[in-house]
Amino acid sequence: MALLKKNSLPTVKTVWRQATLALTNAGIPSAQLDAEILLTLALNKTKEFLYTYPEYHLDPEEFDSYKKLIARRQAHEPVAYITGKKEFYGLDFIVDRRVLIPRPETEKIVDEALKLAAEFIADQRPLYIIDVGTGSGCIIISIAKKILDPSQVELLATDISSESLAVAKLNARQHHVLNMISFRKGNLIQPLQKKLSAQKNPVLIITANLPYITPKQYRKTTADIKKYEPRHALLTPDENPNYYYQLLDNQLQNIQKKTQAQIYKFYELITDSPSDWHDI
C-alpha cells in the first residue's frame, strides 16, 4: 500500500481507496469488501463508522496496523484467518489455521438435520445427531443452538485432529452449548462405535463435511487454500473424492447390523472444480 507524505494523517477514505487498489493489484476478487473489513478491524470500528466519517484521520498506530493487515491479505491469507472469525448460520465462529473456514453452502446441512430431527423429537427411540469431522464445530453448534428440545436428543461430534477439537470446544463454550455436545477424538465414527452399538433401534442423523478434494484437484486450487487451509481437512489420500465417505458408510453399516439403527446421512460433496473457489 502506497505511503503518504511524511507527517500527514491519512483519512479513512484515502487508506480505503489505497488498500482496495493494492488488493486488486494482488488479484484479490473481493478487494473493496476485504479492505473495508480489515479497516474496521484496524480501527476497532463498525462499517457504519467508515461510511459516516470518511474524513476521520487514522493515528500512526491505526495506520501501521492497517498496513500490516493489508499485507497479509495481499499474500492471499483468507480474511477469516486474519480476523480470527467467520459467520456461519448467523453465529460468529472462532477460526484459525487449525480448522477449515466454514462455507455458507454448508448451512444447508444444518437446515436439513434440524428439519429431520424435529420429526423424531417425540419418538421414544434413542436419537443422536452426530457431526463427523467437526472441525470448527460450526455444524453441530448451530444445531445445538436451534434444536427444539435438547433433552430428547444427544449431540455428538468427532474429529481426528486434537487441534481442531480444541477450536470446536472454544466455539461451543463461546456459544454456551459446551455442556450439550460430547466431543470425541478419533477416526470418523470409530470413537462412538461402542456407545452406539449398545443401543437398540436408535435413530442416527449423521452430518459430515469430510475431505473430498483429490490430489489432482488440489494442485488446481487457489493459493489461499493450498497455503493456509489445513490439508487434513481438504485432501483425500487418492483420486477418489468419496474416499472418506465410503469409509464412514462402512462403519455405519456395521453399527446398523448390530443395532438395527435408522440412519440418515447429510454429506457435503464437491460439485464444482475447486479451481473456482475463492478466499472466504
Foldseek 3Di string as FASTA:
>chain_A
DDDDDPPDFDFLLVQLVVLLVLLVVLVAPPSNVLSLVLLCVLVVHDSVCCVVGRRDTDDPSSVVSSVVLSVCVSVVAFSCQSSQWDDELNDIAGDHQQFDHDDNVLNVLLVVLLVVCVVCQPPPFAAEEEEWQCQLVRRQLSNQVPRDDLVSYQYEYEHQDPSSVVNNLVRCVVSVCNVRYHYDHDQTCVVCLVVLLVGAAHEYEYEYEAAQQEPVLVVLADPNCVPGHDCRRHYDPHNGSCVSVVVNVVSVVVSCVRHVYHYHYHYDGDDDRNNPDHRD
